[in-house]
PDB file of N, CA and C in Angstrom:
ATOM      1  N   MET A   1      21.825 -15.945  -5.974  1.00  0.00           N
ATOM      2  CA  MET A   1      21.468 -14.791  -5.177  1.00  0.00           C
ATOM      3  C   MET A   1      21.597 -15.165  -3.706  1.00  0.00           C
ATOM      4  N   SER A   2      22.509 -14.540  -3.004  1.00  0.00           N
ATOM      5  CA  SER A   2      22.727 -14.890  -1.610  1.00  0.00           C
ATOM      6  C   SER A   2      21.810 -14.132  -0.650  1.00  0.00           C
ATOM      7  N   TYR A   3      21.235 -13.016  -1.067  1.00  0.00           N
ATOM      8  CA  TYR A   3      20.337 -12.275  -0.181  1.00  0.00           C
ATOM      9  C   TYR A   3      18.967 -12.934  -0.201  1.00  0.00           C
ATOM     10  N   ARG A   4      18.571 -13.525   0.920  1.00  0.00           N
ATOM     11  CA  ARG A   4      17.320 -14.289   0.963  1.00  0.00           C
ATOM     12  C   ARG A   4      16.312 -13.732   1.967  1.00  0.00           C
ATOM     13  N   HIS A   5      16.540 -12.526   2.437  1.00  0.00           N
ATOM     14  CA  HIS A   5      15.663 -11.946   3.452  1.00  0.00           C
ATOM     15  C   HIS A   5      14.465 -11.209   2.863  1.00  0.00           C
ATOM     16  N   PHE A   6      14.393 -11.130   1.548  1.00  0.00           N
ATOM     17  CA  PHE A   6      13.332 -10.345   0.926  1.00  0.00           C
ATOM     18  C   PHE A   6      11.945 -10.930   1.223  1.00  0.00           C
ATOM     19  N   GLY A   7      11.031 -10.016   1.503  1.00  0.00           N
ATOM     20  CA  GLY A   7       9.654 -10.416   1.771  1.00  0.00           C
ATOM     21  C   GLY A   7       9.403 -10.943   3.163  1.00  0.00           C
ATOM     22  N   ARG A   8      10.425 -11.007   3.987  1.00  0.00           N
ATOM     23  CA  ARG A   8      10.259 -11.461   5.366  1.00  0.00           C
ATOM     24  C   ARG A   8       9.731 -10.318   6.223  1.00  0.00           C
ATOM     25  N   ILE A   9       9.234 -10.641   7.383  1.00  0.00           N
ATOM     26  CA  ILE A   9       8.619  -9.650   8.261  1.00  0.00           C
ATOM     27  C   ILE A   9       9.604  -8.526   8.617  1.00  0.00           C
ATOM     28  N   GLY A  10      10.873  -8.856   8.815  1.00  0.00           N
ATOM     29  CA  GLY A  10      11.866  -7.835   9.128  1.00  0.00           C
ATOM     30  C   GLY A  10      12.043  -6.833   7.993  1.00  0.00           C
ATOM     31  N   ASP A  11      11.996  -7.321   6.764  1.00  0.00           N
ATOM     32  CA  ASP A  11      12.085  -6.442   5.605  1.00  0.00           C
ATOM     33  C   ASP A  11      10.892  -5.481   5.566  1.00  0.00           C
ATOM     34  N   ILE A  12       9.730  -6.012   5.869  1.00  0.00           N
ATOM     35  CA  ILE A  12       8.525  -5.177   5.851  1.00  0.00           C
ATOM     36  C   ILE A  12       8.621  -4.073   6.884  1.00  0.00           C
ATOM     37  N   TRP A  13       9.037  -4.419   8.105  1.00  0.00           N
ATOM     38  CA  TRP A  13       9.134  -3.412   9.167  1.00  0.00           C
ATOM     39  C   TRP A  13      10.263  -2.424   8.916  1.00  0.00           C
ATOM     40  N   LYS A  14      11.192  -2.778   8.076  1.00  0.00           N
ATOM     41  CA  LYS A  14      12.231  -1.832   7.654  1.00  0.00           C
ATOM     42  C   LYS A  14      11.712  -0.934   6.537  1.00  0.00           C
ATOM     43  N   HIS A  15      10.978  -1.514   5.582  1.00  0.00           N
ATOM     44  CA  HIS A  15      10.550  -0.772   4.403  1.00  0.00           C
ATOM     45  C   HIS A  15       9.370   0.168   4.654  1.00  0.00           C
ATOM     46  N   ILE A  16       8.484  -0.182   5.567  1.00  0.00           N
ATOM     47  CA  ILE A  16       7.341   0.709   5.831  1.00  0.00           C
ATOM     48  C   ILE A  16       7.816   2.089   6.296  1.00  0.00           C
ATOM     49  N   PRO A  17       8.641   2.187   7.345  1.00  0.00           N
ATOM     50  CA  PRO A  17       9.071   3.533   7.752  1.00  0.00           C
ATOM     51  C   PRO A  17       9.992   4.203   6.723  1.00  0.00           C
ATOM     52  N   LEU A  18      10.821   3.420   6.028  1.00  0.00           N
ATOM     53  CA  LEU A  18      11.677   4.003   5.001  1.00  0.00           C
ATOM     54  C   LEU A  18      10.836   4.702   3.939  1.00  0.00           C
ATOM     55  N   CYS A  19       9.796   4.033   3.454  1.00  0.00           N
ATOM     56  CA  CYS A  19       8.946   4.607   2.411  1.00  0.00           C
ATOM     57  C   CYS A  19       8.221   5.861   2.895  1.00  0.00           C
ATOM     58  N   GLU A  20       7.712   5.813   4.107  1.00  0.00           N
ATOM     59  CA  GLU A  20       7.015   6.988   4.645  1.00  0.00           C
ATOM     60  C   GLU A  20       7.981   8.162   4.784  1.00  0.00           C
ATOM     61  N   PHE A  21       9.165   7.885   5.302  1.00  0.00           N
ATOM     62  CA  PHE A  21      10.175   8.927   5.449  1.00  0.00           C
ATOM     63  C   PHE A  21      10.522   9.551   4.101  1.00  0.00           C
ATOM     64  N   LEU A  22      10.783   8.714   3.099  1.00  0.00           N
ATOM     65  CA  LEU A  22      11.144   9.232   1.777  1.00  0.00           C
ATOM     66  C   LEU A  22      10.027  10.074   1.169  1.00  0.00           C
ATOM     67  N   ALA A  23       8.793   9.638   1.336  1.00  0.00           N
ATOM     68  CA  ALA A  23       7.659  10.388   0.783  1.00  0.00           C
ATOM     69  C   ALA A  23       7.479  11.729   1.478  1.00  0.00           C
ATOM     70  N   ILE A  24       7.715  11.772   2.768  1.00  0.00           N
ATOM     71  CA  ILE A  24       7.547  13.022   3.525  1.00  0.00           C
ATOM     72  C   ILE A  24       8.726  13.964   3.301  1.00  0.00           C
ATOM     73  N   GLU A  25       9.933  13.462   3.450  1.00  0.00           N
ATOM     74  CA  GLU A  25      11.125  14.313   3.399  1.00  0.00           C
ATOM     75  C   GLU A  25      11.586  14.657   1.982  1.00  0.00           C
ATOM     76  N   GLN A  26      11.332  13.771   1.014  1.00  0.00           N
ATOM     77  CA  GLN A  26      11.734  13.974  -0.374  1.00  0.00           C
ATOM     78  C   GLN A  26      13.201  14.435  -0.491  1.00  0.00           C
ATOM     79  N   PRO A  27      14.143  13.646   0.017  1.00  0.00           N
ATOM     80  CA  PRO A  27      15.546  14.066  -0.075  1.00  0.00           C
ATOM     81  C   PRO A  27      16.003  14.144  -1.532  1.00  0.00           C
ATOM     82  N   THR A  28      16.953  15.004  -1.797  1.00  0.00           N
ATOM     83  CA  THR A  28      17.474  15.133  -3.159  1.00  0.00           C
ATOM     84  C   THR A  28      18.604  14.150  -3.430  1.00  0.00           C
ATOM     85  N   SER A  29      19.138  13.551  -2.371  1.00  0.00           N
ATOM     86  CA  SER A  29      20.156  12.510  -2.511  1.00  0.00           C
ATOM     87  C   SER A  29      19.738  11.306  -1.675  1.00  0.00           C
ATOM     88  N   TYR A  30      19.980  10.129  -2.223  1.00  0.00           N
ATOM     89  CA  TYR A  30      19.671   8.894  -1.495  1.00  0.00           C
ATOM     90  C   TYR A  30      20.883   7.991  -1.598  1.00  0.00           C
ATOM     91  N   ILE A  31      21.460   7.660  -0.450  1.00  0.00           N
ATOM     92  CA  ILE A  31      22.625   6.791  -0.403  1.00  0.00           C
ATOM     93  C   ILE A  31      22.308   5.622   0.519  1.00  0.00           C
ATOM     94  N   GLU A  32      22.539   4.423   0.029  1.00  0.00           N
ATOM     95  CA  GLU A  32      22.247   3.229   0.825  1.00  0.00           C
ATOM     96  C   GLU A  32      23.461   2.312   0.823  1.00  0.00           C
ATOM     97  N   THR A  33      23.869   1.884   2.009  1.00  0.00           N
ATOM     98  CA  THR A  33      25.087   1.087   2.128  1.00  0.00           C
ATOM     99  C   THR A  33      24.845  -0.420   2.048  1.00  0.00           C
ATOM    100  N   ASN A  34      23.601  -0.866   2.109  1.00  0.00           N
ATOM    101  CA  ASN A  34      23.307  -2.294   2.052  1.00  0.00           C
ATOM    102  C   ASN A  34      22.078  -2.508   1.190  1.00  0.00           C
ATOM    103  N   SER A  35      22.224  -2.274  -0.093  1.00  0.00           N
ATOM    104  CA  SER A  35      21.046  -2.208  -0.952  1.00  0.00           C
ATOM    105  C   SER A  35      20.610  -3.527  -1.567  1.00  0.00           C
ATOM    106  N   ALA A  36      21.484  -4.465  -1.793  1.00  0.00           N
ATOM    107  CA  ALA A  36      21.159  -5.726  -2.457  1.00  0.00           C
ATOM    108  C   ALA A  36      20.468  -5.467  -3.801  1.00  0.00           C
ATOM    109  N   PHE A  37      19.420  -6.213  -4.137  1.00  0.00           N
ATOM    110  CA  PHE A  37      18.788  -6.111  -5.448  1.00  0.00           C
ATOM    111  C   PHE A  37      17.544  -5.226  -5.399  1.00  0.00           C
ATOM    112  N   PRO A  38      17.157  -4.642  -6.533  1.00  0.00           N
ATOM    113  CA  PRO A  38      15.968  -3.796  -6.536  1.00  0.00           C
ATOM    114  C   PRO A  38      14.650  -4.581  -6.497  1.00  0.00           C
ATOM    115  N   GLU A  39      14.625  -5.758  -7.087  1.00  0.00           N
ATOM    116  CA  GLU A  39      13.374  -6.539  -7.042  1.00  0.00           C
ATOM    117  C   GLU A  39      13.673  -8.027  -6.998  1.00  0.00           C
ATOM    118  N   TYR A  40      12.703  -8.744  -6.450  1.00  0.00           N
ATOM    119  CA  TYR A  40      12.853 -10.181  -6.234  1.00  0.00           C
ATOM    120  C   TYR A  40      11.572 -10.895  -6.639  1.00  0.00           C
ATOM    121  N   GLN A  41      11.715 -12.082  -7.168  1.00  0.00           N
ATOM    122  CA  GLN A  41      10.569 -12.937  -7.455  1.00  0.00           C
ATOM    123  C   GLN A  41      10.230 -13.700  -6.181  1.00  0.00           C
ATOM    124  N   LEU A  42       9.013 -13.574  -5.708  1.00  0.00           N
ATOM    125  CA  LEU A  42       8.606 -14.300  -4.507  1.00  0.00           C
ATOM    126  C   LEU A  42       8.461 -15.778  -4.832  1.00  0.00           C
ATOM    127  N   THR A  43       8.918 -16.609  -3.918  1.00  0.00           N
ATOM    128  CA  THR A  43       8.866 -18.051  -4.132  1.00  0.00           C
ATOM    129  C   THR A  43       7.926 -18.752  -3.155  1.00  0.00           C
ATOM    130  N   GLY A  44       7.341 -17.991  -2.227  1.00  0.00           N
ATOM    131  CA  GLY A  44       6.391 -18.579  -1.285  1.00  0.00           C
ATOM    132  C   GLY A  44       7.018 -19.322  -0.141  1.00  0.00           C
ATOM    133  N   THR A  45       8.246 -18.967   0.222  1.00  0.00           N
ATOM    134  CA  THR A  45       8.895 -19.620   1.359  1.00  0.00           C
ATOM    135  C   THR A  45       8.073 -19.365   2.628  1.00  0.00           C
ATOM    136  N   PHE A  46       8.347 -20.143   3.655  1.00  0.00           N
ATOM    137  CA  PHE A  46       7.659 -19.963   4.932  1.00  0.00           C
ATOM    138  C   PHE A  46       7.821 -18.529   5.436  1.00  0.00           C
ATOM    139  N   GLU A  47       9.038 -18.001   5.327  1.00  0.00           N
ATOM    140  CA  GLU A  47       9.306 -16.642   5.801  1.00  0.00           C
ATOM    141  C   GLU A  47       8.515 -15.605   5.012  1.00  0.00           C
ATOM    142  N   GLN A  48       8.360 -15.806   3.713  1.00  0.00           N
ATOM    143  CA  GLN A  48       7.560 -14.887   2.889  1.00  0.00           C
ATOM    144  C   GLN A  48       6.070 -15.038   3.190  1.00  0.00           C
ATOM    145  N   GLN A  49       5.639 -16.267   3.490  1.00  0.00           N
ATOM    146  CA  GLN A  49       4.239 -16.479   3.858  1.00  0.00           C
ATOM    147  C   GLN A  49       3.920 -15.792   5.178  1.00  0.00           C
ATOM    148  N   TYR A  50       4.876 -15.750   6.083  1.00  0.00           N
ATOM    149  CA  TYR A  50       4.709 -15.055   7.354  1.00  0.00           C
ATOM    150  C   TYR A  50       4.887 -13.550   7.175  1.00  0.00           C
ATOM    151  N   GLY A  51       5.595 -13.144   6.139  1.00  0.00           N
ATOM    152  CA  GLY A  51       5.897 -11.745   5.879  1.00  0.00           C
ATOM    153  C   GLY A  51       4.926 -11.105   4.907  1.00  0.00           C
ATOM    154  N   VAL A  52       5.415 -10.809   3.716  1.00  0.00           N
ATOM    155  CA  VAL A  52       4.649 -10.022   2.754  1.00  0.00           C
ATOM    156  C   VAL A  52       3.376 -10.735   2.285  1.00  0.00           C
ATOM    157  N   LEU A  53       3.408 -12.041   2.167  1.00  0.00           N
ATOM    158  CA  LEU A  53       2.204 -12.757   1.719  1.00  0.00           C
ATOM    159  C   LEU A  53       1.124 -12.754   2.805  1.00  0.00           C
ATOM    160  N   HIS A  54       1.536 -12.749   4.061  1.00  0.00           N
ATOM    161  CA  HIS A  54       0.583 -12.617   5.173  1.00  0.00           C
ATOM    162  C   HIS A  54      -0.033 -11.217   5.171  1.00  0.00           C
ATOM    163  N   VAL A  55       0.798 -10.218   4.935  1.00  0.00           N
ATOM    164  CA  VAL A  55       0.288  -8.841   4.862  1.00  0.00           C
ATOM    165  C   VAL A  55      -0.730  -8.737   3.727  1.00  0.00           C
ATOM    166  N   GLU A  56      -0.395  -9.289   2.577  1.00  0.00           N
ATOM    167  CA  GLU A  56      -1.311  -9.238   1.440  1.00  0.00           C
ATOM    168  C   GLU A  56      -2.643  -9.930   1.772  1.00  0.00           C
ATOM    169  N   LYS A  57      -2.559 -11.088   2.381  1.00  0.00           N
ATOM    170  CA  LYS A  57      -3.758 -11.857   2.717  1.00  0.00           C
ATOM    171  C   LYS A  57      -4.653 -11.099   3.700  1.00  0.00           C
ATOM    172  N   ASN A  58      -4.051 -10.293   4.560  1.00  0.00           N
ATOM    173  CA  ASN A  58      -4.791  -9.600   5.616  1.00  0.00           C
ATOM    174  C   ASN A  58      -4.839  -8.082   5.435  1.00  0.00           C
ATOM    175  N   ILE A  59      -4.541  -7.595   4.245  1.00  0.00           N
ATOM    176  CA  ILE A  59      -4.405  -6.160   4.016  1.00  0.00           C
ATOM    177  C   ILE A  59      -5.682  -5.382   4.347  1.00  0.00           C
ATOM    178  N   LYS A  60      -6.821  -5.970   4.168  1.00  0.00           N
ATOM    179  CA  LYS A  60      -8.088  -5.278   4.446  1.00  0.00           C
ATOM    180  C   LYS A  60      -8.288  -5.007   5.939  1.00  0.00           C
ATOM    181  N   LYS A  61      -7.519  -5.682   6.788  1.00  0.00           N
ATOM    182  CA  LYS A  61      -7.660  -5.508   8.240  1.00  0.00           C
ATOM    183  C   LYS A  61      -6.950  -4.261   8.754  1.00  0.00           C
ATOM    184  N   SER A  62      -6.088  -3.652   7.944  1.00  0.00           N
ATOM    185  CA  SER A  62      -5.337  -2.493   8.409  1.00  0.00           C
ATOM    186  C   SER A  62      -5.368  -1.368   7.385  1.00  0.00           C
ATOM    187  N   GLN A  63      -6.146  -0.352   7.666  1.00  0.00           N
ATOM    188  CA  GLN A  63      -6.197   0.819   6.791  1.00  0.00           C
ATOM    189  C   GLN A  63      -4.839   1.509   6.738  1.00  0.00           C
ATOM    190  N   ILE A  64      -4.117   1.500   7.854  1.00  0.00           N
ATOM    191  CA  ILE A  64      -2.821   2.178   7.902  1.00  0.00           C
ATOM    192  C   ILE A  64      -1.847   1.547   6.914  1.00  0.00           C
ATOM    193  N   ILE A  65      -1.741   0.218   6.935  1.00  0.00           N
ATOM    194  CA  ILE A  65      -0.830  -0.457   6.006  1.00  0.00           C
ATOM    195  C   ILE A  65      -1.371  -0.369   4.584  1.00  0.00           C
ATOM    196  N   GLN A  66      -2.666  -0.534   4.424  1.00  0.00           N
ATOM    197  CA  GLN A  66      -3.283  -0.474   3.099  1.00  0.00           C
ATOM    198  C   GLN A  66      -3.026   0.876   2.434  1.00  0.00           C
ATOM    199  N   GLN A  67      -3.019   1.947   3.193  1.00  0.00           N
ATOM    200  CA  GLN A  67      -2.816   3.288   2.636  1.00  0.00           C
ATOM    201  C   GLN A  67      -1.359   3.750   2.718  1.00  0.00           C
ATOM    202  N   SER A  68      -0.475   2.886   3.175  1.00  0.00           N
ATOM    203  CA  SER A  68       0.930   3.273   3.322  1.00  0.00           C
ATOM    204  C   SER A  68       1.604   3.437   1.959  1.00  0.00           C
ATOM    205  N   VAL A  69       2.609   4.265   1.926  1.00  0.00           N
ATOM    206  CA  VAL A  69       3.405   4.462   0.715  1.00  0.00           C
ATOM    207  C   VAL A  69       4.046   3.139   0.306  1.00  0.00           C
ATOM    208  N   TYR A  70       4.490   2.371   1.286  1.00  0.00           N
ATOM    209  CA  TYR A  70       5.094   1.056   1.033  1.00  0.00           C
ATOM    210  C   TYR A  70       4.132   0.157   0.256  1.00  0.00           C
ATOM    211  N   TRP A  71       2.923  -0.012   0.772  1.00  0.00           N
ATOM    212  CA  TRP A  71       1.987  -0.929   0.131  1.00  0.00           C
ATOM    213  C   TRP A  71       1.550  -0.422  -1.239  1.00  0.00           C
ATOM    214  N   LYS A  72       1.350   0.879  -1.353  1.00  0.00           N
ATOM    215  CA  LYS A  72       0.985   1.451  -2.658  1.00  0.00           C
ATOM    216  C   LYS A  72       2.099   1.230  -3.676  1.00  0.00           C
ATOM    217  N   SER A  73       3.348   1.378  -3.247  1.00  0.00           N
ATOM    218  CA  SER A  73       4.480   1.144  -4.155  1.00  0.00           C
ATOM    219  C   SER A  73       4.553  -0.320  -4.574  1.00  0.00           C
ATOM    220  N   LEU A  74       4.409  -1.208  -3.613  1.00  0.00           N
ATOM    221  CA  LEU A  74       4.506  -2.634  -3.883  1.00  0.00           C
ATOM    222  C   LEU A  74       3.367  -3.114  -4.780  1.00  0.00           C
ATOM    223  N   SER A  75       2.168  -2.662  -4.518  1.00  0.00           N
ATOM    224  CA  SER A  75       1.019  -3.151  -5.285  1.00  0.00           C
ATOM    225  C   SER A  75       0.849  -2.443  -6.627  1.00  0.00           C
ATOM    226  N   SER A  76       1.604  -1.379  -6.861  1.00  0.00           N
ATOM    227  CA  SER A  76       1.442  -0.639  -8.115  1.00  0.00           C
ATOM    228  C   SER A  76       2.225  -1.232  -9.279  1.00  0.00           C
ATOM    229  N   ILE A  77       3.222  -2.081  -9.006  1.00  0.00           N
ATOM    230  CA  ILE A  77       3.978  -2.622 -10.133  1.00  0.00           C
ATOM    231  C   ILE A  77       3.114  -3.627 -10.887  1.00  0.00           C
ATOM    232  N   PHE A  78       3.295  -3.656 -12.187  1.00  0.00           N
ATOM    233  CA  PHE A  78       2.423  -4.415 -13.077  1.00  0.00           C
ATOM    234  C   PHE A  78       2.257  -5.865 -12.663  1.00  0.00           C
ATOM    235  N   GLU A  79       3.348  -6.519 -12.299  1.00  0.00           N
ATOM    236  CA  GLU A  79       3.303  -7.936 -11.947  1.00  0.00           C
ATOM    237  C   GLU A  79       2.456  -8.204 -10.717  1.00  0.00           C
ATOM    238  N   ASN A  80       2.224  -7.199  -9.891  1.00  0.00           N
ATOM    239  CA  ASN A  80       1.506  -7.391  -8.634  1.00  0.00           C
ATOM    240  C   ASN A  80       0.045  -6.955  -8.690  1.00  0.00           C
ATOM    241  N   ARG A  81      -0.455  -6.623  -9.835  1.00  0.00           N
ATOM    242  CA  ARG A  81      -1.847  -6.147  -9.914  1.00  0.00           C
ATOM    243  C   ARG A  81      -2.861  -7.233  -9.593  1.00  0.00           C
ATOM    244  N   ASN A  82      -2.503  -8.481  -9.784  1.00  0.00           N
ATOM    245  CA  ASN A  82      -3.403  -9.597  -9.470  1.00  0.00           C
ATOM    246  C   ASN A  82      -2.890 -10.418  -8.292  1.00  0.00           C
ATOM    247  N   GLY A  83      -2.110  -9.810  -7.451  1.00  0.00           N
ATOM    248  CA  GLY A  83      -1.532 -10.502  -6.307  1.00  0.00           C
ATOM    249  C   GLY A  83      -0.030 -10.328  -6.301  1.00  0.00           C
ATOM    250  N   VAL A  84       0.541 -10.205  -5.131  1.00  0.00           N
ATOM    251  CA  VAL A  84       1.965  -9.932  -5.001  1.00  0.00           C
ATOM    252  C   VAL A  84       2.780 -11.150  -5.445  1.00  0.00           C
ATOM    253  N   SER A  85       3.570 -10.969  -6.485  1.00  0.00           N
ATOM    254  CA  SER A  85       4.476 -12.016  -6.948  1.00  0.00           C
ATOM    255  C   SER A  85       5.911 -11.517  -6.990  1.00  0.00           C
ATOM    256  N   LYS A  86       6.087 -10.199  -6.983  1.00  0.00           N
ATOM    257  CA  LYS A  86       7.420  -9.602  -6.936  1.00  0.00           C
ATOM    258  C   LYS A  86       7.509  -8.704  -5.718  1.00  0.00           C
ATOM    259  N   TYR A  87       8.693  -8.718  -5.119  1.00  0.00           N
ATOM    260  CA  TYR A  87       8.950  -7.892  -3.955  1.00  0.00           C
ATOM    261  C   TYR A  87       9.978  -6.841  -4.319  1.00  0.00           C
ATOM    262  N   LEU A  88       9.717  -5.602  -3.959  1.00  0.00           N
ATOM    263  CA  LEU A  88      10.653  -4.529  -4.242  1.00  0.00           C
ATOM    264  C   LEU A  88      11.606  -4.349  -3.074  1.00  0.00           C
ATOM    265  N   GLY A  89      12.889  -4.350  -3.379  1.00  0.00           N
ATOM    266  CA  GLY A  89      13.893  -4.043  -2.374  1.00  0.00           C
ATOM    267  C   GLY A  89      13.982  -2.536  -2.192  1.00  0.00           C
ATOM    268  N   SER A  90      14.766  -2.103  -1.242  1.00  0.00           N
ATOM    269  CA  SER A  90      14.843  -0.673  -0.953  1.00  0.00           C
ATOM    270  C   SER A  90      15.357   0.164  -2.123  1.00  0.00           C
ATOM    271  N   PRO A  91      16.247  -0.329  -2.995  1.00  0.00           N
ATOM    272  CA  PRO A  91      16.622   0.506  -4.141  1.00  0.00           C
ATOM    273  C   PRO A  91      15.424   0.835  -5.039  1.00  0.00           C
ATOM    274  N   ALA A  92      14.605  -0.155  -5.345  1.00  0.00           N
ATOM    275  CA  ALA A  92      13.440   0.086  -6.195  1.00  0.00           C
ATOM    276  C   ALA A  92      12.402   0.945  -5.488  1.00  0.00           C
ATOM    277  N   LEU A  93      12.209   0.712  -4.198  1.00  0.00           N
ATOM    278  CA  LEU A  93      11.267   1.546  -3.449  1.00  0.00           C
ATOM    279  C   LEU A  93      11.712   3.004  -3.473  1.00  0.00           C
ATOM    280  N   ALA A  94      12.997   3.246  -3.217  1.00  0.00           N
ATOM    281  CA  ALA A  94      13.514   4.621  -3.222  1.00  0.00           C
ATOM    282  C   ALA A  94      13.378   5.254  -4.601  1.00  0.00           C
ATOM    283  N   LEU A  95      13.733   4.522  -5.637  1.00  0.00           N
ATOM    284  CA  LEU A  95      13.608   5.059  -6.996  1.00  0.00           C
ATOM    285  C   LEU A  95      12.152   5.359  -7.350  1.00  0.00           C
ATOM    286  N   ASN A  96      11.236   4.464  -6.973  1.00  0.00           N
ATOM    287  CA  ASN A  96       9.816   4.676  -7.267  1.00  0.00           C
ATOM    288  C   ASN A  96       9.250   5.871  -6.513  1.00  0.00           C
ATOM    289  N   ILE A  97       9.621   6.023  -5.272  1.00  0.00           N
ATOM    290  CA  ILE A  97       9.051   7.085  -4.443  1.00  0.00           C
ATOM    291  C   ILE A  97       9.664   8.437  -4.777  1.00  0.00           C
ATOM    292  N   LEU A  98      10.979   8.483  -4.929  1.00  0.00           N
ATOM    293  CA  LEU A  98      11.641   9.764  -5.161  1.00  0.00           C
ATOM    294  C   LEU A  98      11.657  10.171  -6.629  1.00  0.00           C
ATOM    295  N   GLY A  99      11.756   9.195  -7.509  1.00  0.00           N
ATOM    296  CA  GLY A  99      11.737   9.475  -8.937  1.00  0.00           C
ATOM    297  C   GLY A  99      12.648  10.622  -9.328  1.00  0.00           C
ATOM    298  N   ALA A 100      12.091  11.568 -10.061  1.00  0.00           N
ATOM    299  CA  ALA A 100      12.865  12.699 -10.567  1.00  0.00           C
ATOM    300  C   ALA A 100      13.145  13.761  -9.513  1.00  0.00           C
ATOM    301  N   SER A 101      12.530  13.656  -8.338  1.00  0.00           N
ATOM    302  CA  SER A 101      12.762  14.678  -7.312  1.00  0.00           C
ATOM    303  C   SER A 101      14.146  14.562  -6.685  1.00  0.00           C
ATOM    304  N   ALA A 102      14.769  13.399  -6.792  1.00  0.00           N
ATOM    305  CA  ALA A 102      16.136  13.222  -6.289  1.00  0.00           C
ATOM    306  C   ALA A 102      17.105  13.347  -7.454  1.00  0.00           C
ATOM    307  N   ASN A 103      18.222  13.965  -7.195  1.00  0.00           N
ATOM    308  CA  ASN A 103      19.202  14.120  -8.266  1.00  0.00           C
ATOM    309  C   ASN A 103      20.398  13.194  -8.109  1.00  0.00           C
ATOM    310  N   LYS A 104      20.420  12.411  -7.010  1.00  0.00           N
ATOM    311  CA  LYS A 104      21.549  11.526  -6.786  1.00  0.00           C
ATOM    312  C   LYS A 104      21.096  10.274  -6.038  1.00  0.00           C
ATOM    313  N   PHE A 105      21.390   9.126  -6.625  1.00  0.00           N
ATOM    314  CA  PHE A 105      21.166   7.828  -5.988  1.00  0.00           C
ATOM    315  C   PHE A 105      22.495   7.100  -5.962  1.00  0.00           C
ATOM    316  N   VAL A 106      22.865   6.575  -4.802  1.00  0.00           N
ATOM    317  CA  VAL A 106      24.086   5.775  -4.691  1.00  0.00           C
ATOM    318  C   VAL A 106      23.727   4.516  -3.906  1.00  0.00           C
ATOM    319  N   PHE A 107      23.980   3.355  -4.504  1.00  0.00           N
ATOM    320  CA  PHE A 107      23.673   2.076  -3.878  1.00  0.00           C
ATOM    321  C   PHE A 107      24.967   1.260  -3.756  1.00  0.00           C
ATOM    322  N   PHE A 108      25.237   0.776  -2.550  1.00  0.00           N
ATOM    323  CA  PHE A 108      26.407  -0.049  -2.308  1.00  0.00           C
ATOM    324  C   PHE A 108      25.958  -1.448  -1.879  1.00  0.00           C
ATOM    325  N   ASP A 109      26.629  -2.450  -2.401  1.00  0.00           N
ATOM    326  CA  ASP A 109      26.421  -3.808  -1.933  1.00  0.00           C
ATOM    327  C   ASP A 109      27.525  -4.677  -2.509  1.00  0.00           C
ATOM    328  N   ILE A 110      27.748  -5.818  -1.906  1.00  0.00           N
ATOM    329  CA  ILE A 110      28.812  -6.709  -2.382  1.00  0.00           C
ATOM    330  C   ILE A 110      28.321  -7.697  -3.432  1.00  0.00           C
ATOM    331  N   GLU A 111      27.031  -7.720  -3.710  1.00  0.00           N
ATOM    332  CA  GLU A 111      26.491  -8.683  -4.673  1.00  0.00           C
ATOM    333  C   GLU A 111      26.522  -8.122  -6.068  1.00  0.00           C
TER     334      GLU A 111
END
């Protein structure tokens, strides 16, 4: 797997507004040109510890993030009920948020 940016702080700042936008706008089509994989196993790298694992450790400090569509989506998957161990990429986030309300999903990537 060559995409190694999952769970890093940049991914989080990309996914938070994406999730909020999708939940509010509920588009019927979702097209993404750089989708990579839908989910990733967290390995605890330094970047993940600074990113999603730091957010998890400090989630009680921010009601906004705690109540965000992003965090609810991430913490709702079965593997994450006792702590975040899997990270959802934007394809999985979009599928989880839009579900049956969208009639078209198109994901592009070279992997």
